[in-house]
């Protein structure tokens, strides 16, 4: 077992397979966002999205090294939300960046929860009040990735 920094390999660029997998999950969670939210023609920064994918994979390795477990779909989705909020990869000419990215992060979170809960035969518990509070928090508050992970788990009943 490794326990000094020199014993760990350096993180390398993601290969095309890893990128394709993350990209497909991301697209599945954001299915029909523009149609359902009435915001068409959003612009996505590919370089920022690559950074998000890389940070998610680094956290996956972190879970493996420090917790000896897999990160899991809920935590991955929560990380996607967190990095969208922090790095704001989406833009639109008539929507403020923090508003757009908060909406996308919330949409992604809810879709991810619905998708995951369907796989385990459970339901998502998200009231209008919670929805509004999350949107406000994603826009204006400093919310940690760990907090979003806990929220995601607690919203499945």
C-alpha atoms as a PDB file:
ATOM      1  CA  UNK A   1       0.000   0.000   0.000  1.00  0.00           C
ATOM      2  CA  UNK A   2       1.173   3.490  -0.821  1.00  0.00           C
ATOM      3  CA  UNK A   3       1.446   6.119   1.888  1.00  0.00           C
ATOM      4  CA  UNK A   4       3.898   8.706   0.605  1.00  0.00           C
ATOM      5  CA  UNK A   5       3.288  11.128  -2.268  1.00  0.00           C
ATOM      6  CA  UNK A   6       6.129   9.656  -4.317  1.00  0.00           C
ATOM      7  CA  UNK A   7       4.434   6.242  -4.338  1.00  0.00           C
ATOM      8  CA  UNK A   8       1.329   7.526  -6.127  1.00  0.00           C
ATOM      9  CA  UNK A   9       1.316   7.959  -9.902  1.00  0.00           C
ATOM     10  CA  UNK A  10       0.716  11.398 -11.366  1.00  0.00           C
ATOM     11  CA  UNK A  11      -2.798  11.981 -12.685  1.00  0.00           C
ATOM     12  CA  UNK A  12      -2.724  11.918 -16.480  1.00  0.00           C
ATOM     13  CA  UNK A  13      -5.057  13.241 -19.151  1.00  0.00           C
ATOM     14  CA  UNK A  14      -8.352  11.425 -19.444  1.00  0.00           C
ATOM     15  CA  UNK A  15      -8.623   9.034 -22.346  1.00  0.00           C
ATOM     16  CA  UNK A  16     -11.382   9.261 -24.931  1.00  0.00           C
ATOM     17  CA  UNK A  17     -13.368   6.401 -23.341  1.00  0.00           C
ATOM     18  CA  UNK A  18     -13.500   8.140 -19.948  1.00  0.00           C
ATOM     19  CA  UNK A  19     -14.485  11.443 -21.547  1.00  0.00           C
ATOM     20  CA  UNK A  20     -17.186   9.782 -23.644  1.00  0.00           C
ATOM     21  CA  UNK A  21     -18.656   8.063 -20.570  1.00  0.00           C
ATOM     22  CA  UNK A  22     -18.772  11.270 -18.525  1.00  0.00           C
ATOM     23  CA  UNK A  23     -20.117  13.249 -21.469  1.00  0.00           C
ATOM     24  CA  UNK A  24     -22.903  10.720 -22.081  1.00  0.00           C
ATOM     25  CA  UNK A  25     -23.943  10.721 -18.404  1.00  0.00           C
ATOM     26  CA  UNK A  26     -23.933  14.489 -18.380  1.00  0.00           C
ATOM     27  CA  UNK A  27     -26.067  14.683 -21.531  1.00  0.00           C
ATOM     28  CA  UNK A  28     -28.509  12.100 -20.146  1.00  0.00           C
ATOM     29  CA  UNK A  29     -29.025  14.139 -16.983  1.00  0.00           C
ATOM     30  CA  UNK A  30     -29.539  17.351 -18.973  1.00  0.00           C
ATOM     31  CA  UNK A  31     -31.936  15.763 -21.434  1.00  0.00           C
ATOM     32  CA  UNK A  32     -34.366  18.390 -22.773  1.00  0.00           C
ATOM     33  CA  UNK A  33     -33.099  21.194 -20.495  1.00  0.00           C
ATOM     34  CA  UNK A  34     -33.430  23.879 -23.171  1.00  0.00           C
ATOM     35  CA  UNK A  35     -36.937  22.734 -24.100  1.00  0.00           C
ATOM     36  CA  UNK A  36     -38.207  22.416 -20.506  1.00  0.00           C
ATOM     37  CA  UNK A  37     -36.626  25.627 -19.206  1.00  0.00           C
ATOM     38  CA  UNK A  38     -37.305  27.789 -22.236  1.00  0.00           C
ATOM     39  CA  UNK A  39     -33.655  28.726 -22.701  1.00  0.00           C
ATOM     40  CA  UNK A  40     -32.449  27.891 -26.192  1.00  0.00           C
ATOM     41  CA  UNK A  41     -28.995  28.138 -27.714  1.00  0.00           C
ATOM     42  CA  UNK A  42     -26.861  27.939 -24.597  1.00  0.00           C
ATOM     43  CA  UNK A  43     -23.145  28.022 -25.236  1.00  0.00           C
ATOM     44  CA  UNK A  44     -20.935  25.435 -23.551  1.00  0.00           C
ATOM     45  CA  UNK A  45     -17.244  25.956 -22.885  1.00  0.00           C
ATOM     46  CA  UNK A  46     -15.580  22.691 -23.902  1.00  0.00           C
ATOM     47  CA  UNK A  47     -12.400  23.521 -21.993  1.00  0.00           C
ATOM     48  CA  UNK A  48     -14.348  24.117 -18.770  1.00  0.00           C
ATOM     49  CA  UNK A  49     -16.320  20.908 -19.303  1.00  0.00           C
ATOM     50  CA  UNK A  50     -13.039  19.019 -19.712  1.00  0.00           C
ATOM     51  CA  UNK A  51     -11.872  20.487 -16.418  1.00  0.00           C
ATOM     52  CA  UNK A  52     -15.123  19.363 -14.777  1.00  0.00           C
ATOM     53  CA  UNK A  53     -14.702  15.829 -16.119  1.00  0.00           C
ATOM     54  CA  UNK A  54     -11.116  15.770 -14.881  1.00  0.00           C
ATOM     55  CA  UNK A  55     -12.079  16.978 -11.407  1.00  0.00           C
ATOM     56  CA  UNK A  56     -14.794  14.327 -11.168  1.00  0.00           C
ATOM     57  CA  UNK A  57     -12.305  11.615 -12.091  1.00  0.00           C
ATOM     58  CA  UNK A  58      -9.802  12.941  -9.549  1.00  0.00           C
ATOM     59  CA  UNK A  59     -12.516  12.735  -6.878  1.00  0.00           C
ATOM     60  CA  UNK A  60     -13.294   9.159  -7.991  1.00  0.00           C
ATOM     61  CA  UNK A  61      -9.641   8.298  -7.355  1.00  0.00           C
ATOM     62  CA  UNK A  62      -9.802  10.136  -4.017  1.00  0.00           C
ATOM     63  CA  UNK A  63     -12.742   7.939  -2.942  1.00  0.00           C
ATOM     64  CA  UNK A  64     -10.796   4.852  -3.941  1.00  0.00           C
ATOM     65  CA  UNK A  65      -7.600   5.838  -2.146  1.00  0.00           C
ATOM     66  CA  UNK A  66      -9.010   7.324   1.049  1.00  0.00           C
ATOM     67  CA  UNK A  67     -12.290   5.452   1.489  1.00  0.00           C
ATOM     68  CA  UNK A  68     -11.512   2.224  -0.394  1.00  0.00           C
ATOM     69  CA  UNK A  69     -14.859   2.429  -2.176  1.00  0.00           C
ATOM     70  CA  UNK A  70     -16.458   3.526  -5.423  1.00  0.00           C
ATOM     71  CA  UNK A  71     -17.768   7.078  -5.627  1.00  0.00           C
ATOM     72  CA  UNK A  72     -21.273   6.181  -6.793  1.00  0.00           C
ATOM     73  CA  UNK A  73     -23.747   7.754  -9.152  1.00  0.00           C
ATOM     74  CA  UNK A  74     -25.279  10.146  -6.609  1.00  0.00           C
ATOM     75  CA  UNK A  75     -21.916  11.561  -5.630  1.00  0.00           C
ATOM     76  CA  UNK A  76     -20.881  11.866  -9.271  1.00  0.00           C
ATOM     77  CA  UNK A  77     -24.054  13.799 -10.091  1.00  0.00           C
ATOM     78  CA  UNK A  78     -23.579  16.008  -7.036  1.00  0.00           C
ATOM     79  CA  UNK A  79     -20.032  16.782  -8.182  1.00  0.00           C
ATOM     80  CA  UNK A  80     -21.295  17.681 -11.643  1.00  0.00           C
ATOM     81  CA  UNK A  81     -23.684  20.160 -10.012  1.00  0.00           C
ATOM     82  CA  UNK A  82     -20.997  21.594  -7.769  1.00  0.00           C
ATOM     83  CA  UNK A  83     -18.534  22.192 -10.606  1.00  0.00           C
ATOM     84  CA  UNK A  84     -21.216  23.711 -12.831  1.00  0.00           C
ATOM     85  CA  UNK A  85     -21.981  26.177 -10.039  1.00  0.00           C
ATOM     86  CA  UNK A  86     -18.306  26.978  -9.419  1.00  0.00           C
ATOM     87  CA  UNK A  87     -16.858  26.989 -12.928  1.00  0.00           C
ATOM     88  CA  UNK A  88     -19.950  28.154 -14.875  1.00  0.00           C
ATOM     89  CA  UNK A  89     -19.321  26.386 -18.198  1.00  0.00           C
ATOM     90  CA  UNK A  90     -22.621  27.575 -19.724  1.00  0.00           C
ATOM     91  CA  UNK A  91     -23.483  30.979 -21.081  1.00  0.00           C
ATOM     92  CA  UNK A  92     -26.296  32.677 -22.934  1.00  0.00           C
ATOM     93  CA  UNK A  93     -26.495  36.173 -24.335  1.00  0.00           C
ATOM     94  CA  UNK A  94     -29.645  37.124 -22.409  1.00  0.00           C
ATOM     95  CA  UNK A  95     -29.334  35.131 -19.155  1.00  0.00           C
ATOM     96  CA  UNK A  96     -26.851  36.011 -16.371  1.00  0.00           C
ATOM     97  CA  UNK A  97     -24.210  33.294 -16.003  1.00  0.00           C
ATOM     98  CA  UNK A  98     -24.915  32.525 -12.340  1.00  0.00           C
ATOM     99  CA  UNK A  99     -28.655  32.225 -13.062  1.00  0.00           C
ATOM    100  CA  UNK A 100     -28.176  29.945 -16.062  1.00  0.00           C
ATOM    101  CA  UNK A 101     -25.605  27.692 -14.409  1.00  0.00           C
ATOM    102  CA  UNK A 102     -27.683  27.430 -11.210  1.00  0.00           C
ATOM    103  CA  UNK A 103     -30.712  26.389 -13.282  1.00  0.00           C
ATOM    104  CA  UNK A 104     -28.669  23.828 -15.179  1.00  0.00           C
ATOM    105  CA  UNK A 105     -27.126  22.454 -11.969  1.00  0.00           C
ATOM    106  CA  UNK A 106     -30.548  22.139 -10.331  1.00  0.00           C
ATOM    107  CA  UNK A 107     -32.064  20.547 -13.433  1.00  0.00           C
ATOM    108  CA  UNK A 108     -29.169  18.097 -13.580  1.00  0.00           C
ATOM    109  CA  UNK A 109     -29.511  17.262  -9.867  1.00  0.00           C
ATOM    110  CA  UNK A 110     -33.237  16.572 -10.114  1.00  0.00           C
ATOM    111  CA  UNK A 111     -32.893  14.463 -13.268  1.00  0.00           C
ATOM    112  CA  UNK A 112     -30.012  12.525 -11.751  1.00  0.00           C
ATOM    113  CA  UNK A 113     -32.082  11.832  -8.628  1.00  0.00           C
ATOM    114  CA  UNK A 114     -35.091  10.712 -10.677  1.00  0.00           C
ATOM    115  CA  UNK A 115     -32.895   8.467 -12.831  1.00  0.00           C
ATOM    116  CA  UNK A 116     -31.110   6.933  -9.847  1.00  0.00           C
ATOM    117  CA  UNK A 117     -34.260   6.487  -7.740  1.00  0.00           C
ATOM    118  CA  UNK A 118     -35.938   4.655 -10.624  1.00  0.00           C
ATOM    119  CA  UNK A 119     -33.057   2.177 -10.733  1.00  0.00           C
ATOM    120  CA  UNK A 120     -33.445   1.354  -7.028  1.00  0.00           C
ATOM    121  CA  UNK A 121     -37.274   1.537  -6.997  1.00  0.00           C
ATOM    122  CA  UNK A 122     -37.510   4.568  -4.711  1.00  0.00           C
ATOM    123  CA  UNK A 123     -38.935   8.066  -5.032  1.00  0.00           C
ATOM    124  CA  UNK A 124     -37.503  11.576  -5.042  1.00  0.00           C
ATOM    125  CA  UNK A 125     -38.740  13.935  -2.348  1.00  0.00           C
ATOM    126  CA  UNK A 126     -38.362  17.513  -3.559  1.00  0.00           C
ATOM    127  CA  UNK A 127     -40.949  20.102  -2.657  1.00  0.00           C
ATOM    128  CA  UNK A 128     -41.349  23.455  -4.395  1.00  0.00           C
ATOM    129  CA  UNK A 129     -39.872  25.092  -1.317  1.00  0.00           C
ATOM    130  CA  UNK A 130     -36.781  22.886  -1.410  1.00  0.00           C
ATOM    131  CA  UNK A 131     -36.479  23.442  -5.148  1.00  0.00           C
ATOM    132  CA  UNK A 132     -36.538  27.226  -4.636  1.00  0.00           C
ATOM    133  CA  UNK A 133     -34.088  27.036  -1.722  1.00  0.00           C
ATOM    134  CA  UNK A 134     -31.653  24.929  -3.741  1.00  0.00           C
ATOM    135  CA  UNK A 135     -31.839  27.288  -6.696  1.00  0.00           C
ATOM    136  CA  UNK A 136     -31.170  30.276  -4.426  1.00  0.00           C
ATOM    137  CA  UNK A 137     -28.300  28.441  -2.729  1.00  0.00           C
ATOM    138  CA  UNK A 138     -26.776  27.412  -6.043  1.00  0.00           C
ATOM    139  CA  UNK A 139     -26.907  31.030  -7.207  1.00  0.00           C
ATOM    140  CA  UNK A 140     -25.860  33.000  -4.148  1.00  0.00           C
ATOM    141  CA  UNK A 141     -24.530  30.812  -1.337  1.00  0.00           C
ATOM    142  CA  UNK A 142     -21.274  29.019  -0.841  1.00  0.00           C
ATOM    143  CA  UNK A 143     -22.305  25.362  -0.858  1.00  0.00           C
ATOM    144  CA  UNK A 144     -19.751  22.561  -0.671  1.00  0.00           C
ATOM    145  CA  UNK A 145     -19.580  19.475  -2.835  1.00  0.00           C
ATOM    146  CA  UNK A 146     -20.005  17.346   0.287  1.00  0.00           C
ATOM    147  CA  UNK A 147     -23.196  19.233   1.187  1.00  0.00           C
ATOM    148  CA  UNK A 148     -24.637  18.591  -2.268  1.00  0.00           C
ATOM    149  CA  UNK A 149     -23.714  14.901  -1.923  1.00  0.00           C
ATOM    150  CA  UNK A 150     -25.568  14.668   1.407  1.00  0.00           C
ATOM    151  CA  UNK A 151     -28.565  16.529  -0.038  1.00  0.00           C
ATOM    152  CA  UNK A 152     -28.729  14.160  -3.008  1.00  0.00           C
ATOM    153  CA  UNK A 153     -28.793  11.091  -0.751  1.00  0.00           C
ATOM    154  CA  UNK A 154     -31.361  12.598   1.587  1.00  0.00           C
ATOM    155  CA  UNK A 155     -33.784  13.502  -1.206  1.00  0.00           C
ATOM    156  CA  UNK A 156     -34.326   9.861  -2.199  1.00  0.00           C
ATOM    157  CA  UNK A 157     -36.931   8.121  -0.017  1.00  0.00           C
END
